[in-house]
């Protein structure tokens, strides 16, 4: 019997029959000896569940009614038995050696609660296929952290979600202390989770590339959401913990205010182009009130008002 710590691999999936085999196989084929692969089918209707059933007892398969990725991850976390937990999205692929390198890093660094890797953005070819980079065939052998992206990360995360879910492993005791993913966040539940994790322990990013992050054609063309989820995540963190990190570092008030304004403007711009002009109008007005001398903002506000009146 292996004495290596058990790693619970969590893969939520919804209607992803085209890519799910690559994802699951990349987890099962990891050379790390002690792992359980938990796949949560979130109410797929495209045959994904039938594919998953062919794996038999090589995976722990849980089927649920469609409830979204955060609910699926929560369901899997309740079932997980590992000392560590690693997350993998259903259309991504892990590099060989990823789990072993991350476990080694966590074992060598007891002050680190979460470890991720670098990743390779994986766009489709012109014909819609995905061809793996040749360098990705080289297994990860180093558990060394990239110090530029490691440490007490709370204050940095207020400005950007620097963790990609499909690359993350964390101690299960940290996950239990954090609690569940916020199911009210249609987008941004992972960002919120990593911020919460950053309050409890250090975060490390390994130097090597541990995953291929697949960019599926058309996935970025969806209409913007009514809610500004990224803005909400940051406001939630600020209201709970303020601008001071667990290590005593303080975020500049003007800098975080600028960050929030940029999020409002970006959300408003998306809605002005291809969403709800009323949402755009409200967002531009919020920013214009703080910057009444900005002529460009008044033009945007006027455009949004025109679109509301002519809709």
Protein backbone atom coordinates (compact mmCIF):
# COMPACT_ATOMS: atom_id res chain seq x y z
CA UNK A 1 0.00 0.00 0.00
CA UNK A 2 1.26 3.48 -0.88
CA UNK A 3 2.30 5.71 1.99
CA UNK A 4 2.07 8.83 -0.16
CA UNK A 5 -0.66 11.29 0.89
CA UNK A 6 -3.96 10.80 -0.90
CA UNK A 7 -4.82 13.44 -3.51
CA UNK A 8 -8.48 13.97 -4.40
CA UNK A 9 -8.83 15.17 -7.99
CA UNK A 10 -12.08 17.03 -8.66
CA UNK A 11 -13.41 17.37 -12.21
CA UNK A 12 -16.81 19.05 -12.70
CA UNK A 13 -18.28 18.50 -16.17
CA UNK A 14 -21.29 19.69 -18.11
CA UNK A 15 -21.89 18.73 -21.75
CA UNK A 16 -18.21 18.27 -22.57
CA UNK A 17 -18.10 14.92 -24.36
CA UNK A 18 -15.64 16.25 -26.93
CA UNK A 19 -12.89 16.88 -24.36
CA UNK A 20 -13.72 14.97 -21.17
CA UNK A 21 -11.68 11.88 -22.05
CA UNK A 22 -8.48 13.91 -22.47
CA UNK A 23 -9.05 15.60 -19.11
CA UNK A 24 -9.84 12.44 -17.16
CA UNK A 25 -7.02 10.48 -18.79
CA UNK A 26 -4.53 13.24 -17.93
CA UNK A 27 -5.52 12.84 -14.28
CA UNK A 28 -5.57 9.02 -14.22
CA UNK A 29 -2.22 8.80 -16.01
CA UNK A 30 -0.39 10.99 -13.50
CA UNK A 31 2.62 9.13 -12.14
CA UNK A 32 1.68 10.11 -8.59
CA UNK A 33 0.68 6.80 -6.96
CA UNK A 34 -2.07 7.67 -4.49
CA UNK A 35 -5.03 9.55 -5.96
CA UNK A 36 -8.78 9.40 -6.33
CA UNK A 37 -10.39 10.99 -9.37
CA UNK A 38 -13.85 12.34 -8.60
CA UNK A 39 -15.87 13.40 -11.63
CA UNK A 40 -19.10 15.33 -11.04
CA UNK A 41 -21.50 15.26 -13.97
CA UNK A 42 -23.58 18.41 -13.65
CA UNK A 43 -26.66 17.19 -15.52
CA UNK A 44 -25.07 16.66 -18.94
CA UNK A 45 -27.43 15.93 -21.82
CA UNK A 46 -24.91 15.31 -24.63
CA UNK A 47 -23.73 11.81 -23.76
CA UNK A 48 -20.92 12.87 -21.43
CA UNK A 49 -22.31 10.71 -18.62
CA UNK A 50 -22.29 7.61 -20.83
CA UNK A 51 -18.62 8.21 -21.62
CA UNK A 52 -17.78 8.58 -17.96
CA UNK A 53 -19.51 5.32 -17.06
CA UNK A 54 -17.04 3.46 -19.28
CA UNK A 55 -14.26 4.25 -16.78
CA UNK A 56 -15.83 1.95 -14.20
CA UNK A 57 -14.13 2.00 -10.82
CA UNK A 58 -11.13 3.94 -12.11
CA UNK A 59 -13.05 7.10 -11.20
CA UNK A 60 -15.62 8.04 -8.59
CA UNK A 61 -18.55 9.25 -10.64
CA UNK A 62 -21.23 11.45 -9.10
CA UNK A 63 -24.21 12.61 -11.16
CA UNK A 64 -26.28 15.61 -10.09
CA UNK A 65 -28.98 17.81 -11.55
CA UNK A 66 -27.57 20.84 -13.33
CA UNK A 67 -26.59 23.37 -10.69
CA UNK A 68 -23.37 24.96 -12.00
CA UNK A 69 -19.63 24.46 -11.36
CA UNK A 70 -19.51 25.80 -7.77
CA UNK A 71 -22.27 23.42 -6.66
CA UNK A 72 -20.52 20.55 -8.45
CA UNK A 73 -17.20 21.31 -6.75
CA UNK A 74 -18.93 21.55 -3.37
CA UNK A 75 -20.55 18.16 -3.94
CA UNK A 76 -17.18 16.65 -4.80
CA UNK A 77 -15.47 18.23 -1.80
CA UNK A 78 -18.02 16.61 0.48
CA UNK A 79 -17.15 13.23 -1.01
CA UNK A 80 -13.37 13.76 -1.14
CA UNK A 81 -11.18 11.82 1.27
CA UNK A 82 -7.74 13.12 0.34
CA UNK A 83 -5.05 14.94 2.29
CA UNK A 84 -4.79 17.30 -0.68
CA UNK A 85 -7.32 18.35 -3.31
CA UNK A 86 -6.58 19.28 -6.92
CA UNK A 87 -8.99 20.87 -9.38
CA UNK A 88 -9.18 20.12 -13.10
CA UNK A 89 -11.65 21.61 -15.58
CA UNK A 90 -13.29 19.19 -18.00
CA UNK A 91 -11.79 20.71 -21.16
CA UNK A 92 -8.22 21.12 -19.90
CA UNK A 93 -5.25 18.75 -19.72
CA UNK A 94 -2.57 18.21 -17.07
CA UNK A 95 1.12 17.71 -17.73
CA UNK A 96 2.69 14.50 -16.50
CA UNK A 97 4.29 14.95 -13.09
CA UNK A 98 2.04 17.82 -12.02
CA UNK A 99 0.55 16.10 -8.97
CA UNK A 100 3.88 14.73 -7.77
CA UNK A 101 5.57 18.14 -8.02
CA UNK A 102 2.76 19.89 -6.15
CA UNK A 103 2.63 17.31 -3.36
CA UNK A 104 6.41 17.54 -2.97
CA UNK A 105 6.19 21.32 -2.69
CA UNK A 106 3.45 21.23 -0.06
CA UNK A 107 5.30 18.61 1.96
CA UNK A 108 8.49 20.69 1.87
CA UNK A 109 6.74 23.97 2.71
CA UNK A 110 4.33 23.61 5.64
CA UNK A 111 3.55 27.36 5.57
CA UNK A 112 2.07 27.03 2.06
CA UNK A 113 -1.61 26.14 1.83
CA UNK A 114 -2.17 26.36 -1.92
CA UNK A 115 0.12 25.56 -4.83
CA UNK A 116 -0.50 26.09 -8.52
CA UNK A 117 1.59 25.88 -11.67
CA UNK A 118 2.10 28.04 -14.70
CA UNK A 119 -0.13 27.13 -17.63
CA UNK A 120 -0.15 27.27 -21.41
CA UNK A 121 -3.06 29.03 -23.12
CA UNK A 122 -4.21 26.53 -25.74
CA UNK A 123 -6.14 28.07 -28.65
CA UNK A 124 -7.77 26.07 -31.43
CA UNK A 125 -6.15 25.67 -34.83
CA UNK A 126 -7.85 27.14 -37.89
CA UNK A 127 -9.68 23.86 -38.43
CA UNK A 128 -11.00 23.82 -34.86
CA UNK A 129 -8.65 21.08 -33.66
CA UNK A 130 -6.25 21.31 -30.73
CA UNK A 131 -2.64 20.26 -31.24
CA UNK A 132 -0.53 19.90 -28.14
CA UNK A 133 2.72 21.87 -27.99
CA UNK A 134 5.73 19.62 -28.35
CA UNK A 135 7.26 20.92 -25.14
CA UNK A 136 4.22 19.74 -23.18
CA UNK A 137 5.37 16.13 -23.58
CA UNK A 138 8.22 16.79 -21.12
CA UNK A 139 7.15 15.78 -17.58
CA UNK A 140 7.41 18.22 -14.67
CA UNK A 141 10.34 17.28 -12.49
CA UNK A 142 10.83 20.41 -10.37
CA UNK A 143 8.81 21.48 -7.34
CA UNK A 144 10.56 24.85 -7.14
CA UNK A 145 8.37 27.92 -6.70
CA UNK A 146 8.43 31.00 -8.90
CA UNK A 147 8.98 33.64 -6.25
CA UNK A 148 7.50 36.38 -8.45
CA UNK A 149 4.05 34.84 -8.04
CA UNK A 150 4.32 33.30 -4.57
CA UNK A 151 3.86 34.30 -0.95
CA UNK A 152 1.08 36.06 0.92
CA UNK A 153 -1.16 36.85 -2.03
CA UNK A 154 -4.24 38.58 -0.61
CA UNK A 155 -3.28 42.11 -1.63
CA UNK A 156 -2.19 41.00 -5.11
CA UNK A 157 -5.40 39.08 -5.67
CA UNK A 158 -7.42 42.24 -5.12
CA UNK A 159 -6.03 43.38 -8.48
CA UNK A 160 -6.11 40.16 -10.49
CA UNK A 161 -7.10 36.51 -10.13
CA UNK A 162 -3.62 35.07 -10.50
CA UNK A 163 -4.73 31.48 -9.92
CA UNK A 164 -6.13 29.32 -12.71
CA UNK A 165 -8.46 26.72 -11.22
CA UNK A 166 -7.26 23.86 -13.38
CA UNK A 167 -3.72 24.26 -11.99
CA UNK A 168 -4.55 24.49 -8.27
CA UNK A 169 -3.83 22.02 -5.48
CA UNK A 170 -4.45 22.82 -1.83
CA UNK A 171 -4.28 21.16 1.54
CA UNK A 172 -7.62 19.61 2.38
CA UNK A 173 -7.55 21.14 5.85
CA UNK A 174 -7.33 24.59 4.20
CA UNK A 175 -10.25 23.75 1.92
CA UNK A 176 -12.29 22.59 4.92
CA UNK A 177 -11.51 25.82 6.76
CA UNK A 178 -12.43 27.95 3.75
CA UNK A 179 -15.76 26.19 3.36
CA UNK A 180 -17.75 25.88 0.17
CA UNK A 181 -17.61 27.68 -3.14
CA UNK A 182 -20.18 30.48 -3.30
CA UNK A 183 -23.02 29.13 -5.45
CA UNK A 184 -24.52 32.63 -5.83
CA UNK A 185 -21.56 33.62 -8.00
CA UNK A 186 -22.31 32.42 -11.52
CA UNK A 187 -18.83 33.60 -12.50
CA UNK A 188 -16.04 34.37 -10.08
CA UNK A 189 -16.74 31.66 -7.51
CA UNK A 190 -13.18 30.39 -7.99
CA UNK A 191 -11.70 33.90 -7.70
CA UNK A 192 -13.61 34.37 -4.45
CA UNK A 193 -12.34 31.00 -3.20
CA UNK A 194 -8.69 31.78 -3.89
CA UNK A 195 -8.98 35.12 -2.11
CA UNK A 196 -10.39 33.31 0.90
CA UNK A 197 -7.55 30.79 0.69
CA UNK A 198 -5.00 33.62 0.58
CA UNK A 199 -6.14 34.77 4.01
CA UNK A 200 -5.21 31.44 5.60
CA UNK A 201 -1.77 30.56 4.23
CA UNK A 202 0.82 31.37 1.62
CA UNK A 203 0.30 30.52 -2.04
CA UNK A 204 3.06 29.16 -4.29
CA UNK A 205 3.23 28.96 -8.07
CA UNK A 206 5.65 26.39 -9.44
CA UNK A 207 8.01 27.43 -12.21
CA UNK A 208 6.93 24.78 -14.69
CA UNK A 209 3.84 24.61 -16.91
CA UNK A 210 1.42 22.11 -15.42
CA UNK A 211 -1.64 22.41 -17.63
CA UNK A 212 -3.03 23.24 -21.03
CA UNK A 213 -5.84 25.77 -20.68
CA UNK A 214 -8.10 25.17 -23.65
CA UNK A 215 -9.69 28.19 -25.34
CA UNK A 216 -12.81 26.84 -27.02
CA UNK A 217 -13.89 28.85 -30.10
CA UNK A 218 -16.96 30.96 -29.42
CA UNK A 219 -16.74 30.69 -25.65
CA UNK A 220 -15.86 34.40 -25.27
CA UNK A 221 -18.74 35.62 -27.46
CA UNK A 222 -21.46 35.20 -24.89
CA UNK A 223 -23.49 38.18 -23.79
CA UNK A 224 -22.19 39.85 -20.63
CA UNK A 225 -23.86 38.98 -17.36
CA UNK A 226 -26.17 41.49 -15.70
CA UNK A 227 -24.11 41.28 -12.51
CA UNK A 228 -20.51 42.46 -12.38
CA UNK A 229 -19.19 39.36 -10.65
CA UNK A 230 -15.52 40.33 -10.47
CA UNK A 231 -16.47 43.66 -8.90
CA UNK A 232 -18.68 41.85 -6.39
CA UNK A 233 -15.89 39.45 -5.43
CA UNK A 234 -13.48 42.28 -4.65
CA UNK A 235 -16.08 44.31 -2.78
CA UNK A 236 -16.97 41.24 -0.73
CA UNK A 237 -13.31 40.76 0.22
CA UNK A 238 -12.84 44.42 1.11
CA UNK A 239 -15.96 44.49 3.25
CA UNK A 240 -14.79 41.39 5.11
CA UNK A 241 -11.06 42.01 5.49
CA UNK A 242 -10.34 45.50 4.23
CA UNK A 243 -7.07 46.52 2.57
CA UNK A 244 -4.70 44.83 5.04
CA UNK A 245 -3.35 41.38 4.24
CA UNK A 246 -2.65 38.64 6.81
CA UNK A 247 1.04 39.52 6.55
CA UNK A 248 0.36 43.18 7.40
CA UNK A 249 0.74 44.50 3.84
CA UNK A 250 -1.66 47.30 2.96
CA UNK A 251 -3.24 48.00 -0.40
CA UNK A 252 -3.24 51.64 -1.49
CA UNK A 253 -6.77 53.06 -1.25
CA UNK A 254 -6.51 55.03 -4.48
CA UNK A 255 -5.18 52.02 -6.36
CA UNK A 256 -8.02 49.76 -5.31
CA UNK A 257 -10.56 52.48 -6.09
CA UNK A 258 -9.09 52.77 -9.57
CA UNK A 259 -9.27 48.98 -9.95
CA UNK A 260 -12.96 48.99 -9.03
CA UNK A 261 -13.71 51.84 -11.43
CA UNK A 262 -12.00 49.99 -14.27
CA UNK A 263 -14.18 46.98 -13.59
CA UNK A 264 -17.31 49.13 -13.70
CA UNK A 265 -16.21 50.73 -16.96
CA UNK A 266 -15.31 47.39 -18.55
CA UNK A 267 -18.64 45.89 -17.54
CA UNK A 268 -20.48 48.96 -18.82
CA UNK A 269 -18.59 48.89 -22.12
CA UNK A 270 -19.45 45.22 -22.68
CA UNK A 271 -23.12 45.96 -22.12
CA UNK A 272 -22.99 49.00 -24.35
CA UNK A 273 -21.66 46.89 -27.22
CA UNK A 274 -23.63 43.67 -26.84
CA UNK A 275 -25.70 43.61 -23.69
CA UNK A 276 -28.20 45.65 -21.73
CA UNK A 277 -27.82 49.42 -22.31
CA UNK A 278 -29.55 50.12 -18.98
CA UNK A 279 -26.72 48.33 -17.18
CA UNK A 280 -24.20 50.35 -19.21
CA UNK A 281 -25.99 53.60 -18.39
CA UNK A 282 -26.00 52.90 -14.65
CA UNK A 283 -22.32 51.96 -14.66
CA UNK A 284 -21.15 54.98 -16.64
CA UNK A 285 -23.19 57.27 -14.40
CA UNK A 286 -21.56 55.86 -11.27
CA UNK A 287 -18.11 56.69 -12.65
CA UNK A 288 -19.04 60.05 -14.22
CA UNK A 289 -20.21 61.34 -10.86
CA UNK A 290 -16.66 60.88 -9.56
CA UNK A 291 -15.02 62.27 -12.71
CA UNK A 292 -17.35 64.96 -14.07
CA UNK A 293 -14.59 66.59 -16.13
CA UNK A 294 -13.93 63.46 -18.19
CA UNK A 295 -15.45 64.24 -21.59
CA UNK A 296 -15.00 60.70 -22.91
CA UNK A 297 -17.12 59.32 -20.09
CA UNK A 298 -19.89 61.77 -20.92
CA UNK A 299 -19.81 60.57 -24.53
CA UNK A 300 -20.15 56.96 -23.38
CA UNK A 301 -22.94 57.95 -21.03
CA UNK A 302 -24.74 59.73 -23.85
CA UNK A 303 -24.37 56.72 -26.13
CA UNK A 304 -25.83 54.43 -23.47
CA UNK A 305 -28.72 56.84 -22.87
CA UNK A 306 -29.46 56.95 -26.61
CA UNK A 307 -29.49 53.17 -26.80
CA UNK A 308 -31.87 52.93 -23.82
CA UNK A 309 -34.28 55.42 -25.39
CA UNK A 310 -34.20 53.78 -28.84
CA UNK A 311 -34.36 50.17 -27.64
